Amino acid sequence: ATSNPKLVVRLAHKIAQWWPVTERKVV
């Protein structure tokens, strides 16, 4: 992660978009 900060930002953005949808399905 520390040696690939741009990739971490890109993947974190994708996860942030995905996470709320997943949480709605769980509840």
PDB file of all heavy atoms in Angstrom:
ATOM      1  N   ALA A   1       0.815  -1.222   0.000  1.00  0.00           N
ATOM      2  CA  ALA A   1       0.000   0.000   0.000  1.00  0.00           C
ATOM      3  C   ALA A   1       0.843   1.264   0.000  1.00  0.00           C
ATOM      4  O   ALA A   1       0.548   2.205  -0.743  1.00  0.00           O
ATOM      5  CB  ALA A   1      -0.948  -0.006   1.194  1.00  0.00           C
ATOM      6  N   THR A   2       1.884   1.327   0.808  1.00  0.00           N
ATOM      7  CA  THR A   2       2.664   2.566   0.882  1.00  0.00           C
ATOM      8  C   THR A   2       3.466   2.819  -0.385  1.00  0.00           C
ATOM      9  O   THR A   2       3.740   3.966  -0.728  1.00  0.00           O
ATOM     10  CB  THR A   2       3.614   2.556   2.095  1.00  0.00           C
ATOM     11  OG1 THR A   2       4.439   1.404   2.041  1.00  0.00           O
ATOM     12  CG2 THR A   2       2.836   2.561   3.399  1.00  0.00           C
ATOM     13  N   SER A   3       3.813   1.776  -1.104  1.00  0.00           N
ATOM     14  CA  SER A   3       4.591   1.965  -2.330  1.00  0.00           C
ATOM     15  C   SER A   3       3.705   2.137  -3.569  1.00  0.00           C
ATOM     16  O   SER A   3       4.211   2.364  -4.662  1.00  0.00           O
ATOM     17  CB  SER A   3       5.567   0.805  -2.530  1.00  0.00           C
ATOM     18  OG  SER A   3       4.883  -0.417  -2.642  1.00  0.00           O
ATOM     19  N   ASN A   4       2.391   2.062  -3.405  1.00  0.00           N
ATOM     20  CA  ASN A   4       1.449   2.224  -4.514  1.00  0.00           C
ATOM     21  C   ASN A   4       0.276   3.125  -4.114  1.00  0.00           C
ATOM     22  O   ASN A   4      -0.881   2.728  -4.193  1.00  0.00           O
ATOM     23  CB  ASN A   4       0.912   0.851  -4.940  1.00  0.00           C
ATOM     24  CG  ASN A   4       1.969  -0.017  -5.534  1.00  0.00           C
ATOM     25  OD1 ASN A   4       2.363   0.166  -6.674  1.00  0.00           O
ATOM     26  ND2 ASN A   4       2.454  -0.971  -4.749  1.00  0.00           N
ATOM     27  N   PRO A   5       0.555   4.353  -3.701  1.00  0.00           N
ATOM     28  CA  PRO A   5      -0.527   5.207  -3.177  1.00  0.00           C
ATOM     29  C   PRO A   5      -1.617   5.524  -4.203  1.00  0.00           C
ATOM     30  O   PRO A   5      -2.796   5.619  -3.831  1.00  0.00           O
ATOM     31  CB  PRO A   5       0.196   6.471  -2.729  1.00  0.00           C
ATOM     32  CG  PRO A   5       1.491   6.470  -3.462  1.00  0.00           C
ATOM     33  CD  PRO A   5       1.842   5.034  -3.687  1.00  0.00           C
ATOM     34  N   LYS A   6      -1.274   5.680  -5.474  1.00  0.00           N
ATOM     35  CA  LYS A   6      -2.298   5.976  -6.486  1.00  0.00           C
ATOM     36  C   LYS A   6      -3.259   4.809  -6.654  1.00  0.00           C
ATOM     37  O   LYS A   6      -4.473   5.002  -6.797  1.00  0.00           O
ATOM     38  CB  LYS A   6      -1.648   6.334  -7.821  1.00  0.00           C
ATOM     39  CG  LYS A   6      -0.968   7.681  -7.814  1.00  0.00           C
ATOM     40  CD  LYS A   6      -0.363   7.998  -9.158  1.00  0.00           C
ATOM     41  CE  LYS A   6       0.382   9.323  -9.105  1.00  0.00           C
ATOM     42  NZ  LYS A   6       0.999   9.652 -10.394  1.00  0.00           N
ATOM     43  N   LEU A   7      -2.727   3.601  -6.645  1.00  0.00           N
ATOM     44  CA  LEU A   7      -3.572   2.419  -6.758  1.00  0.00           C
ATOM     45  C   LEU A   7      -4.467   2.288  -5.526  1.00  0.00           C
ATOM     46  O   LEU A   7      -5.650   1.960  -5.646  1.00  0.00           O
ATOM     47  CB  LEU A   7      -2.715   1.159  -6.928  1.00  0.00           C
ATOM     48  CG  LEU A   7      -3.467  -0.160  -7.047  1.00  0.00           C
ATOM     49  CD1 LEU A   7      -4.456  -0.142  -8.202  1.00  0.00           C
ATOM     50  CD2 LEU A   7      -2.480  -1.309  -7.188  1.00  0.00           C
ATOM     51  N   VAL A   8      -3.930   2.569  -4.352  1.00  0.00           N
ATOM     52  CA  VAL A   8      -4.721   2.510  -3.123  1.00  0.00           C
ATOM     53  C   VAL A   8      -5.881   3.504  -3.193  1.00  0.00           C
ATOM     54  O   VAL A   8      -7.018   3.165  -2.851  1.00  0.00           O
ATOM     55  CB  VAL A   8      -3.838   2.765  -1.879  1.00  0.00           C
ATOM     56  CG1 VAL A   8      -4.688   2.986  -0.643  1.00  0.00           C
ATOM     57  CG2 VAL A   8      -2.874   1.612  -1.665  1.00  0.00           C
ATOM     58  N   VAL A   9      -5.628   4.708  -3.651  1.00  0.00           N
ATOM     59  CA  VAL A   9      -6.690   5.710  -3.771  1.00  0.00           C
ATOM     60  C   VAL A   9      -7.759   5.231  -4.749  1.00  0.00           C
ATOM     61  O   VAL A   9      -8.964   5.331  -4.472  1.00  0.00           O
ATOM     62  CB  VAL A   9      -6.111   7.076  -4.206  1.00  0.00           C
ATOM     63  CG1 VAL A   9      -7.212   8.041  -4.610  1.00  0.00           C
ATOM     64  CG2 VAL A   9      -5.265   7.662  -3.099  1.00  0.00           C
ATOM     65  N   ARG A  10      -7.336   4.707  -5.889  1.00  0.00           N
ATOM     66  CA  ARG A  10      -8.291   4.233  -6.897  1.00  0.00           C
ATOM     67  C   ARG A  10      -9.151   3.081  -6.356  1.00  0.00           C
ATOM     68  O   ARG A  10     -10.375   3.077  -6.507  1.00  0.00           O
ATOM     69  CB  ARG A  10      -7.545   3.802  -8.163  1.00  0.00           C
ATOM     70  CG  ARG A  10      -8.481   3.597  -9.335  1.00  0.00           C
ATOM     71  CD  ARG A  10      -7.731   3.343 -10.614  1.00  0.00           C
ATOM     72  NE  ARG A  10      -7.551   1.903 -10.749  1.00  0.00           N
ATOM     73  CZ  ARG A  10      -6.436   1.292 -11.091  1.00  0.00           C
ATOM     74  NH1 ARG A  10      -5.363   1.994 -11.354  1.00  0.00           N
ATOM     75  NH2 ARG A  10      -6.376   0.002 -11.186  1.00  0.00           N
ATOM     76  N   LEU A  11      -8.516   2.136  -5.697  1.00  0.00           N
ATOM     77  CA  LEU A  11      -9.254   0.998  -5.157  1.00  0.00           C
ATOM     78  C   LEU A  11     -10.133   1.414  -3.976  1.00  0.00           C
ATOM     79  O   LEU A  11     -11.248   0.912  -3.829  1.00  0.00           O
ATOM     80  CB  LEU A  11      -8.284  -0.109  -4.746  1.00  0.00           C
ATOM     81  CG  LEU A  11      -7.531  -0.770  -5.903  1.00  0.00           C
ATOM     82  CD1 LEU A  11      -6.501  -1.756  -5.368  1.00  0.00           C
ATOM     83  CD2 LEU A  11      -8.482  -1.457  -6.870  1.00  0.00           C
ATOM     84  N   ALA A  12      -9.648   2.331  -3.158  1.00  0.00           N
ATOM     85  CA  ALA A  12     -10.451   2.813  -2.031  1.00  0.00           C
ATOM     86  C   ALA A  12     -11.722   3.495  -2.530  1.00  0.00           C
ATOM     87  O   ALA A  12     -12.795   3.339  -1.935  1.00  0.00           O
ATOM     88  CB  ALA A  12      -9.627   3.770  -1.174  1.00  0.00           C
ATOM     89  N   HIS A  13     -11.613   4.221  -3.626  1.00  0.00           N
ATOM     90  CA  HIS A  13     -12.793   4.861  -4.215  1.00  0.00           C
ATOM     91  C   HIS A  13     -13.801   3.808  -4.669  1.00  0.00           C
ATOM     92  O   HIS A  13     -15.000   3.935  -4.418  1.00  0.00           O
ATOM     93  CB  HIS A  13     -12.378   5.761  -5.379  1.00  0.00           C
ATOM     94  CG  HIS A  13     -13.526   6.424  -6.049  1.00  0.00           C
ATOM     95  ND1 HIS A  13     -14.230   7.448  -5.463  1.00  0.00           N
ATOM     96  CD2 HIS A  13     -14.105   6.196  -7.251  1.00  0.00           C
ATOM     97  CE1 HIS A  13     -15.203   7.816  -6.284  1.00  0.00           C
ATOM     98  NE2 HIS A  13     -15.146   7.076  -7.370  1.00  0.00           N
ATOM     99  N   LYS A  14     -13.321   2.770  -5.312  1.00  0.00           N
ATOM    100  CA  LYS A  14     -14.211   1.692  -5.764  1.00  0.00           C
ATOM    101  C   LYS A  14     -14.875   1.000  -4.584  1.00  0.00           C
ATOM    102  O   LYS A  14     -16.066   0.689  -4.617  1.00  0.00           O
ATOM    103  CB  LYS A  14     -13.445   0.679  -6.605  1.00  0.00           C
ATOM    104  CG  LYS A  14     -13.049   1.182  -7.971  1.00  0.00           C
ATOM    105  CD  LYS A  14     -12.295   0.109  -8.727  1.00  0.00           C
ATOM    106  CE  LYS A  14     -11.916   0.569 -10.100  1.00  0.00           C
ATOM    107  NZ  LYS A  14     -13.004   0.496 -11.067  1.00  0.00           N
ATOM    108  N   ILE A  15     -14.114   0.767  -3.531  1.00  0.00           N
ATOM    109  CA  ILE A  15     -14.671   0.110  -2.340  1.00  0.00           C
ATOM    110  C   ILE A  15     -15.699   1.015  -1.666  1.00  0.00           C
ATOM    111  O   ILE A  15     -16.745   0.544  -1.217  1.00  0.00           O
ATOM    112  CB  ILE A  15     -13.550  -0.293  -1.364  1.00  0.00           C
ATOM    113  CG1 ILE A  15     -12.745  -1.447  -1.971  1.00  0.00           C
ATOM    114  CG2 ILE A  15     -14.115  -0.684  -0.004  1.00  0.00           C
ATOM    115  CD1 ILE A  15     -11.477  -1.788  -1.214  1.00  0.00           C
ATOM    116  N   ALA A  16     -15.435   2.311  -1.617  1.00  0.00           N
ATOM    117  CA  ALA A  16     -16.378   3.246  -1.005  1.00  0.00           C
ATOM    118  C   ALA A  16     -17.709   3.247  -1.746  1.00  0.00           C
ATOM    119  O   ALA A  16     -18.772   3.400  -1.131  1.00  0.00           O
ATOM    120  CB  ALA A  16     -15.773   4.651  -0.977  1.00  0.00           C
ATOM    121  N   GLN A  17     -17.675   3.067  -3.049  1.00  0.00           N
ATOM    122  CA  GLN A  17     -18.911   2.995  -3.829  1.00  0.00           C
ATOM    123  C   GLN A  17     -19.633   1.673  -3.589  1.00  0.00           C
ATOM    124  O   GLN A  17     -20.847   1.614  -3.576  1.00  0.00           O
ATOM    125  CB  GLN A  17     -18.611   3.151  -5.315  1.00  0.00           C
ATOM    126  CG  GLN A  17     -18.155   4.527  -5.692  1.00  0.00           C
ATOM    127  CD  GLN A  17     -17.783   4.614  -7.167  1.00  0.00           C
ATOM    128  OE1 GLN A  17     -17.182   3.697  -7.717  1.00  0.00           O
ATOM    129  NE2 GLN A  17     -18.132   5.723  -7.775  1.00  0.00           N
ATOM    130  N   TRP A  18     -18.902   0.610  -3.406  1.00  0.00           N
ATOM    131  CA  TRP A  18     -19.459  -0.724  -3.241  1.00  0.00           C
ATOM    132  C   TRP A  18     -19.973  -0.969  -1.832  1.00  0.00           C
ATOM    133  O   TRP A  18     -20.999  -1.602  -1.643  1.00  0.00           O
ATOM    134  CB  TRP A  18     -18.376  -1.744  -3.604  1.00  0.00           C
ATOM    135  CG  TRP A  18     -18.666  -3.140  -3.184  1.00  0.00           C
ATOM    136  CD1 TRP A  18     -19.456  -4.040  -3.836  1.00  0.00           C
ATOM    137  CD2 TRP A  18     -18.164  -3.809  -2.025  1.00  0.00           C
ATOM    138  NE1 TRP A  18     -19.469  -5.222  -3.150  1.00  0.00           N
ATOM    139  CE2 TRP A  18     -18.682  -5.102  -2.029  1.00  0.00           C
ATOM    140  CE3 TRP A  18     -17.322  -3.428  -0.978  1.00  0.00           C
ATOM    141  CZ2 TRP A  18     -18.397  -6.033  -1.048  1.00  0.00           C
ATOM    142  CZ3 TRP A  18     -17.029  -4.349   0.000  1.00  0.00           C
ATOM    143  CH2 TRP A  18     -17.568  -5.627  -0.037  1.00  0.00           C
ATOM    144  N   TRP A  19     -19.279  -0.449  -0.828  1.00  0.00           N
ATOM    145  CA  TRP A  19     -19.580  -0.774   0.570  1.00  0.00           C
ATOM    146  C   TRP A  19     -21.016  -0.445   0.979  1.00  0.00           C
ATOM    147  O   TRP A  19     -21.690  -1.291   1.574  1.00  0.00           O
ATOM    148  CB  TRP A  19     -18.576  -0.085   1.494  1.00  0.00           C
ATOM    149  CG  TRP A  19     -18.748  -0.517   2.909  1.00  0.00           C
ATOM    150  CD1 TRP A  19     -19.355   0.172   3.912  1.00  0.00           C
ATOM    151  CD2 TRP A  19     -18.325  -1.760   3.488  1.00  0.00           C
ATOM    152  NE1 TRP A  19     -19.325  -0.543   5.075  1.00  0.00           N
ATOM    153  CE2 TRP A  19     -18.703  -1.741   4.839  1.00  0.00           C
ATOM    154  CE3 TRP A  19     -17.671  -2.872   2.982  1.00  0.00           C
ATOM    155  CZ2 TRP A  19     -18.444  -2.799   5.696  1.00  0.00           C
ATOM    156  CZ3 TRP A  19     -17.407  -3.926   3.844  1.00  0.00           C
ATOM    157  CH2 TRP A  19     -17.797  -3.876   5.171  1.00  0.00           C
ATOM    158  N   PRO A  20     -21.550   0.750   0.703  1.00  0.00           N
ATOM    159  CA  PRO A  20     -22.925   1.041   1.141  1.00  0.00           C
ATOM    160  C   PRO A  20     -23.941   0.071   0.550  1.00  0.00           C
ATOM    161  O   PRO A  20     -24.895  -0.300   1.216  1.00  0.00           O
ATOM    162  CB  PRO A  20     -23.167   2.472   0.646  1.00  0.00           C
ATOM    163  CG  PRO A  20     -21.810   3.054   0.484  1.00  0.00           C
ATOM    164  CD  PRO A  20     -20.920   1.904   0.084  1.00  0.00           C
ATOM    165  N   VAL A  21     -23.755  -0.341  -0.691  1.00  0.00           N
ATOM    166  CA  VAL A  21     -24.676  -1.286  -1.321  1.00  0.00           C
ATOM    167  C   VAL A  21     -24.633  -2.612  -0.573  1.00  0.00           C
ATOM    168  O   VAL A  21     -25.661  -3.214  -0.277  1.00  0.00           O
ATOM    169  CB  VAL A  21     -24.309  -1.488  -2.811  1.00  0.00           C
ATOM    170  CG1 VAL A  21     -25.133  -2.600  -3.429  1.00  0.00           C
ATOM    171  CG2 VAL A  21     -24.485  -0.186  -3.563  1.00  0.00           C
ATOM    172  N   THR A  22     -23.439  -3.060  -0.242  1.00  0.00           N
ATOM    173  CA  THR A  22     -23.276  -4.312   0.483  1.00  0.00           C
ATOM    174  C   THR A  22     -23.922  -4.225   1.860  1.00  0.00           C
ATOM    175  O   THR A  22     -24.604  -5.141   2.297  1.00  0.00           O
ATOM    176  CB  THR A  22     -21.778  -4.648   0.632  1.00  0.00           C
ATOM    177  OG1 THR A  22     -21.207  -4.707  -0.668  1.00  0.00           O
ATOM    178  CG2 THR A  22     -21.567  -5.970   1.331  1.00  0.00           C
ATOM    179  N   GLU A  23     -23.726  -3.122   2.553  1.00  0.00           N
ATOM    180  CA  GLU A  23     -24.293  -2.955   3.882  1.00  0.00           C
ATOM    181  C   GLU A  23     -25.824  -2.951   3.832  1.00  0.00           C
ATOM    182  O   GLU A  23     -26.473  -3.519   4.694  1.00  0.00           O
ATOM    183  CB  GLU A  23     -23.768  -1.664   4.510  1.00  0.00           C
ATOM    184  CG  GLU A  23     -23.459  -1.833   5.971  1.00  0.00           C
ATOM    185  CD  GLU A  23     -22.695  -0.670   6.521  1.00  0.00           C
ATOM    186  OE1 GLU A  23     -23.307   0.382   6.790  1.00  0.00           O
ATOM    187  OE2 GLU A  23     -21.472  -0.814   6.698  1.00  0.00           O
ATOM    188  N   ARG A  24     -26.400  -2.336   2.807  1.00  0.00           N
ATOM    189  CA  ARG A  24     -27.860  -2.340   2.675  1.00  0.00           C
ATOM    190  C   ARG A  24     -28.385  -3.761   2.511  1.00  0.00           C
ATOM    191  O   ARG A  24     -29.410  -4.122   3.059  1.00  0.00           O
ATOM    192  CB  ARG A  24     -28.292  -1.483   1.489  1.00  0.00           C
ATOM    193  CG  ARG A  24     -28.198   0.002   1.750  1.00  0.00           C
ATOM    194  CD  ARG A  24     -28.957   0.808   0.710  1.00  0.00           C
ATOM    195  NE  ARG A  24     -28.540   0.569  -0.645  1.00  0.00           N
ATOM    196  CZ  ARG A  24     -27.605   1.266  -1.293  1.00  0.00           C
ATOM    197  NH1 ARG A  24     -26.986   2.257  -0.699  1.00  0.00           N
ATOM    198  NH2 ARG A  24     -27.301   0.982  -2.523  1.00  0.00           N
ATOM    199  N   LYS A  25     -27.646  -4.573   1.771  1.00  0.00           N
ATOM    200  CA  LYS A  25     -28.079  -5.951   1.574  1.00  0.00           C
ATOM    201  C   LYS A  25     -28.008  -6.738   2.876  1.00  0.00           C
ATOM    202  O   LYS A  25     -28.848  -7.579   3.153  1.00  0.00           O
ATOM    203  CB  LYS A  25     -27.240  -6.620   0.491  1.00  0.00           C
ATOM    204  CG  LYS A  25     -27.540  -6.097  -0.888  1.00  0.00           C
ATOM    205  CD  LYS A  25     -26.705  -6.755  -1.949  1.00  0.00           C
ATOM    206  CE  LYS A  25     -27.036  -6.190  -3.308  1.00  0.00           C
ATOM    207  NZ  LYS A  25     -26.272  -6.830  -4.373  1.00  0.00           N
ATOM    208  N   VAL A  26     -27.010  -6.463   3.688  1.00  0.00           N
ATOM    209  CA  VAL A  26     -26.842  -7.181   4.956  1.00  0.00           C
ATOM    210  C   VAL A  26     -28.001  -6.892   5.910  1.00  0.00           C
ATOM    211  O   VAL A  26     -28.518  -7.771   6.568  1.00  0.00           O
ATOM    212  CB  VAL A  26     -25.480  -6.833   5.619  1.00  0.00           C
ATOM    213  CG1 VAL A  26     -25.414  -7.339   7.046  1.00  0.00           C
ATOM    214  CG2 VAL A  26     -24.334  -7.395   4.791  1.00  0.00           C
ATOM    215  N   VAL A  27     -28.438  -5.653   5.989  1.00  0.00           N
ATOM    216  CA  VAL A  27     -29.505  -5.298   6.919  1.00  0.00           C
ATOM    217  C   VAL A  27     -30.881  -5.503   6.304  1.00  0.00           C
ATOM    218  O   VAL A  27     -31.892  -5.213   6.934  1.00  0.00           O
ATOM    219  CB  VAL A  27     -29.358  -3.850   7.450  1.00  0.00           C
ATOM    220  CG1 VAL A  27     -28.113  -3.707   8.268  1.00  0.00           C
ATOM    221  CG2 VAL A  27     -29.427  -2.845   6.349  1.00  0.00           C
TER     222      VAL A  27
END
